[in-house]
Amino acid sequence: MEGADLIAMVSIITAGLTIAIGSIGPALGEARAAAQALEALARQPDEANTITRTLFVSLAMIESTAIYCFVVSMILIFANPFWSPAQGVTGG
């Protein structure tokens, strides 16, 4: 197995693990945040606006983690910085 093949294999496996962990973690986090927000809304209906605003901000932050993992996996697959030196191709 050549160096380029090894880099390709490691990149694909790492991208798969990144997207798997990066999608499971935020999904569990968003479910927990939504459940806690619903519980808080049930206990304090007068604070609905504050709780809803805080929930949406926290959901956006949690979702950004999944987007970062997606971007990292796409970089590993399509723009891997180790790919060109391993193939002996120089840029430009």
N, C-alpha and C. Protein backbone atom coordinates (compact mmCIF):
# COMPACT_ATOMS: atom_id res chain seq x y z
N MET A 1 0.85 -1.17 0.00
CA MET A 1 0.00 0.00 0.00
C MET A 1 0.89 1.24 0.00
N GLU A 2 0.63 2.11 -0.94
CA GLU A 2 1.42 3.32 -1.04
C GLU A 2 0.94 4.38 -0.06
N GLY A 3 1.73 5.45 0.05
CA GLY A 3 1.37 6.50 0.97
C GLY A 3 0.06 7.19 0.63
N ALA A 4 -0.19 7.38 -0.66
CA ALA A 4 -1.43 8.03 -1.08
C ALA A 4 -2.65 7.18 -0.76
N ASP A 5 -2.51 5.88 -0.93
CA ASP A 5 -3.62 4.99 -0.59
C ASP A 5 -3.90 5.00 0.91
N LEU A 6 -2.83 5.00 1.69
CA LEU A 6 -2.99 5.04 3.14
C LEU A 6 -3.65 6.35 3.58
N ILE A 7 -3.22 7.46 2.98
CA ILE A 7 -3.82 8.76 3.32
C ILE A 7 -5.29 8.78 2.92
N ALA A 8 -5.62 8.23 1.78
CA ALA A 8 -7.02 8.19 1.34
C ALA A 8 -7.87 7.35 2.29
N MET A 9 -7.33 6.20 2.69
CA MET A 9 -8.08 5.32 3.59
C MET A 9 -8.29 5.98 4.95
N VAL A 10 -7.25 6.56 5.50
CA VAL A 10 -7.36 7.21 6.81
C VAL A 10 -8.30 8.42 6.72
N SER A 11 -8.24 9.16 5.61
CA SER A 11 -9.12 10.32 5.44
C SER A 11 -10.58 9.91 5.39
N ILE A 12 -10.88 8.86 4.67
CA ILE A 12 -12.27 8.41 4.56
C ILE A 12 -12.79 7.88 5.89
N ILE A 13 -11.97 7.11 6.59
CA ILE A 13 -12.40 6.59 7.90
C ILE A 13 -12.58 7.72 8.90
N THR A 14 -11.64 8.66 8.91
CA THR A 14 -11.75 9.79 9.82
C THR A 14 -12.95 10.67 9.49
N ALA A 15 -13.22 10.87 8.22
CA ALA A 15 -14.41 11.65 7.83
C ALA A 15 -15.68 10.95 8.27
N GLY A 16 -15.73 9.66 8.13
CA GLY A 16 -16.90 8.91 8.58
C GLY A 16 -17.11 8.99 10.08
N LEU A 17 -16.03 8.84 10.84
CA LEU A 17 -16.14 8.96 12.29
C LEU A 17 -16.52 10.37 12.71
N THR A 18 -15.95 11.35 12.01
CA THR A 18 -16.26 12.74 12.35
C THR A 18 -17.73 13.06 12.13
N ILE A 19 -18.27 12.64 11.00
CA ILE A 19 -19.67 12.95 10.73
C ILE A 19 -20.59 12.12 11.62
N ALA A 20 -20.18 10.90 11.99
CA ALA A 20 -21.01 10.06 12.87
C ALA A 20 -21.08 10.66 14.27
N ILE A 21 -19.93 10.96 14.84
CA ILE A 21 -19.91 11.54 16.18
C ILE A 21 -20.47 12.95 16.16
N GLY A 22 -20.16 13.67 15.08
CA GLY A 22 -20.63 15.05 14.97
C GLY A 22 -22.12 15.17 14.73
N SER A 23 -22.78 14.12 14.35
CA SER A 23 -24.23 14.18 14.19
C SER A 23 -24.96 13.60 15.39
N ILE A 24 -24.36 12.61 16.03
CA ILE A 24 -25.02 12.00 17.19
C ILE A 24 -24.99 12.94 18.39
N GLY A 25 -23.83 13.55 18.64
CA GLY A 25 -23.69 14.44 19.79
C GLY A 25 -24.64 15.62 19.77
N PRO A 26 -24.67 16.40 18.68
CA PRO A 26 -25.62 17.52 18.63
C PRO A 26 -27.08 17.08 18.65
N ALA A 27 -27.39 15.93 18.09
CA ALA A 27 -28.78 15.45 18.12
C ALA A 27 -29.21 15.19 19.56
N LEU A 28 -28.34 14.54 20.33
CA LEU A 28 -28.66 14.29 21.73
C LEU A 28 -28.73 15.60 22.51
N GLY A 29 -27.82 16.53 22.21
CA GLY A 29 -27.83 17.82 22.89
C GLY A 29 -29.07 18.63 22.59
N GLU A 30 -29.48 18.63 21.33
CA GLU A 30 -30.69 19.38 20.96
C GLU A 30 -31.94 18.76 21.59
N ALA A 31 -31.98 17.45 21.65
CA ALA A 31 -33.13 16.79 22.28
C ALA A 31 -33.19 17.13 23.76
N ARG A 32 -32.05 17.12 24.41
CA ARG A 32 -32.03 17.46 25.84
C ARG A 32 -32.41 18.92 26.07
N ALA A 33 -31.90 19.82 25.24
CA ALA A 33 -32.22 21.24 25.39
C ALA A 33 -33.71 21.48 25.16
N ALA A 34 -34.28 20.83 24.16
CA ALA A 34 -35.71 20.99 23.89
C ALA A 34 -36.55 20.43 25.03
N ALA A 35 -36.14 19.29 25.57
CA ALA A 35 -36.89 18.71 26.68
C ALA A 35 -36.83 19.60 27.91
N GLN A 36 -35.66 20.14 28.20
CA GLN A 36 -35.52 21.02 29.35
C GLN A 36 -36.31 22.31 29.15
N ALA A 37 -36.32 22.82 27.93
CA ALA A 37 -37.08 24.04 27.65
C ALA A 37 -38.58 23.80 27.79
N LEU A 38 -39.05 22.67 27.32
CA LEU A 38 -40.47 22.36 27.48
C LEU A 38 -40.84 22.20 28.95
N GLU A 39 -39.96 21.60 29.70
CA GLU A 39 -40.21 21.46 31.13
C GLU A 39 -40.24 22.83 31.80
N ALA A 40 -39.32 23.69 31.42
CA ALA A 40 -39.28 25.04 32.00
C ALA A 40 -40.52 25.84 31.60
N LEU A 41 -40.98 25.67 30.36
CA LEU A 41 -42.19 26.35 29.91
C LEU A 41 -43.42 25.86 30.68
N ALA A 42 -43.44 24.58 30.99
CA ALA A 42 -44.57 24.03 31.74
C ALA A 42 -44.59 24.57 33.17
N ARG A 43 -43.41 24.78 33.73
CA ARG A 43 -43.35 25.28 35.11
C ARG A 43 -43.53 26.79 35.19
N GLN A 44 -43.03 27.51 34.20
CA GLN A 44 -43.08 28.97 34.23
C GLN A 44 -43.62 29.50 32.90
N PRO A 45 -44.90 29.44 32.68
CA PRO A 45 -45.45 29.89 31.39
C PRO A 45 -45.30 31.39 31.17
N ASP A 46 -45.13 32.15 32.24
CA ASP A 46 -44.96 33.60 32.08
C ASP A 46 -43.62 33.96 31.46
N GLU A 47 -42.64 33.11 31.58
CA GLU A 47 -41.29 33.36 31.06
C GLU A 47 -41.09 32.72 29.69
N ALA A 48 -42.16 32.52 28.96
CA ALA A 48 -42.09 31.81 27.68
C ALA A 48 -41.18 32.51 26.68
N ASN A 49 -41.25 33.84 26.63
CA ASN A 49 -40.42 34.56 25.65
C ASN A 49 -38.93 34.39 25.95
N THR A 50 -38.56 34.53 27.19
CA THR A 50 -37.15 34.39 27.56
C THR A 50 -36.66 32.96 27.34
N ILE A 51 -37.46 32.01 27.74
CA ILE A 51 -37.05 30.60 27.58
C ILE A 51 -36.96 30.23 26.11
N THR A 52 -37.91 30.68 25.31
CA THR A 52 -37.87 30.37 23.88
C THR A 52 -36.67 31.00 23.20
N ARG A 53 -36.38 32.26 23.53
CA ARG A 53 -35.21 32.92 22.94
C ARG A 53 -33.91 32.21 23.33
N THR A 54 -33.80 31.85 24.58
CA THR A 54 -32.60 31.14 25.04
C THR A 54 -32.50 29.77 24.38
N LEU A 55 -33.64 29.12 24.20
CA LEU A 55 -33.63 27.81 23.53
C LEU A 55 -33.14 27.93 22.10
N PHE A 56 -33.62 28.93 21.37
CA PHE A 56 -33.20 29.06 19.97
C PHE A 56 -31.73 29.40 19.84
N VAL A 57 -31.22 30.24 20.73
CA VAL A 57 -29.79 30.56 20.70
C VAL A 57 -28.96 29.31 21.01
N SER A 58 -29.40 28.56 22.00
CA SER A 58 -28.64 27.35 22.35
C SER A 58 -28.74 26.29 21.26
N LEU A 59 -29.89 26.19 20.60
CA LEU A 59 -30.01 25.23 19.50
C LEU A 59 -29.10 25.62 18.33
N ALA A 60 -28.97 26.92 18.09
CA ALA A 60 -28.08 27.36 17.01
C ALA A 60 -26.62 27.04 17.34
N MET A 61 -26.25 27.24 18.60
CA MET A 61 -24.88 26.92 19.00
C MET A 61 -24.61 25.42 18.91
N ILE A 62 -25.58 24.62 19.31
CA ILE A 62 -25.41 23.17 19.24
C ILE A 62 -25.33 22.73 17.78
N GLU A 63 -26.16 23.32 16.93
CA GLU A 63 -26.17 22.95 15.52
C GLU A 63 -24.87 23.34 14.83
N SER A 64 -24.25 24.42 15.31
CA SER A 64 -22.98 24.82 14.70
C SER A 64 -21.91 23.75 14.89
N THR A 65 -21.99 23.00 15.97
CA THR A 65 -21.04 21.91 16.18
C THR A 65 -21.18 20.86 15.08
N ALA A 66 -22.41 20.53 14.74
CA ALA A 66 -22.63 19.56 13.67
C ALA A 66 -22.14 20.09 12.34
N ILE A 67 -22.33 21.39 12.10
CA ILE A 67 -21.88 21.98 10.84
C ILE A 67 -20.36 21.98 10.77
N TYR A 68 -19.70 22.28 11.88
CA TYR A 68 -18.23 22.21 11.91
C TYR A 68 -17.74 20.80 11.59
N CYS A 69 -18.37 19.81 12.16
CA CYS A 69 -17.97 18.42 11.88
C CYS A 69 -18.19 18.09 10.40
N PHE A 70 -19.29 18.57 9.83
CA PHE A 70 -19.54 18.34 8.41
C PHE A 70 -18.45 18.99 7.55
N VAL A 71 -18.08 20.21 7.90
CA VAL A 71 -17.04 20.92 7.13
C VAL A 71 -15.70 20.20 7.24
N VAL A 72 -15.37 19.74 8.44
CA VAL A 72 -14.11 19.01 8.62
C VAL A 72 -14.10 17.73 7.80
N SER A 73 -15.22 17.02 7.79
CA SER A 73 -15.26 15.79 7.00
C SER A 73 -15.17 16.08 5.50
N MET A 74 -15.78 17.17 5.04
CA MET A 74 -15.67 17.53 3.63
C MET A 74 -14.24 17.93 3.28
N ILE A 75 -13.56 18.63 4.18
CA ILE A 75 -12.17 19.00 3.93
C ILE A 75 -11.31 17.75 3.86
N LEU A 76 -11.55 16.80 4.75
CA LEU A 76 -10.77 15.56 4.74
C LEU A 76 -10.95 14.79 3.45
N ILE A 77 -12.14 14.85 2.88
CA ILE A 77 -12.40 14.07 1.67
C ILE A 77 -11.98 14.82 0.41
N PHE A 78 -12.35 16.10 0.31
CA PHE A 78 -12.16 16.82 -0.96
C PHE A 78 -10.98 17.78 -1.00
N ALA A 79 -10.50 18.23 0.14
CA ALA A 79 -9.41 19.21 0.14
C ALA A 79 -8.37 18.85 1.18
N ASN A 80 -8.03 17.60 1.23
CA ASN A 80 -7.06 17.13 2.22
C ASN A 80 -5.69 17.73 1.92
N PRO A 81 -5.09 18.43 2.89
CA PRO A 81 -3.79 19.06 2.62
C PRO A 81 -2.66 18.05 2.47
N PHE A 82 -2.83 16.83 2.90
CA PHE A 82 -1.80 15.82 2.79
C PHE A 82 -1.87 15.05 1.47
N TRP A 83 -2.92 15.29 0.70
CA TRP A 83 -3.15 14.52 -0.51
C TRP A 83 -2.13 14.84 -1.61
N SER A 84 -1.91 16.13 -1.87
CA SER A 84 -1.02 16.53 -2.96
C SER A 84 0.43 16.11 -2.73
N PRO A 85 1.00 16.34 -1.53
CA PRO A 85 2.38 15.89 -1.34
C PRO A 85 2.54 14.37 -1.45
N ALA A 86 1.51 13.62 -1.04
CA ALA A 86 1.60 12.17 -1.11
C ALA A 86 1.58 11.68 -2.56
N GLN A 87 0.86 12.40 -3.41
CA GLN A 87 0.80 12.01 -4.81
C GLN A 87 1.96 12.58 -5.61
N GLY A 88 2.72 13.45 -5.01
CA GLY A 88 3.84 14.06 -5.70
C GLY A 88 3.43 15.18 -6.63
N VAL A 89 2.21 15.67 -6.46
CA VAL A 89 1.70 16.75 -7.28
C VAL A 89 1.94 18.06 -6.55
N THR A 90 2.53 18.99 -7.24
CA THR A 90 2.73 20.30 -6.64
C THR A 90 1.69 21.25 -7.20
N GLY A 91 1.24 22.12 -6.37
CA GLY A 91 0.23 23.09 -6.80
C GLY A 91 0.82 24.15 -7.70
N GLY A 92 0.01 24.67 -8.58
CA GLY A 92 0.40 25.78 -9.41
C GLY A 92 0.83 25.45 -10.73
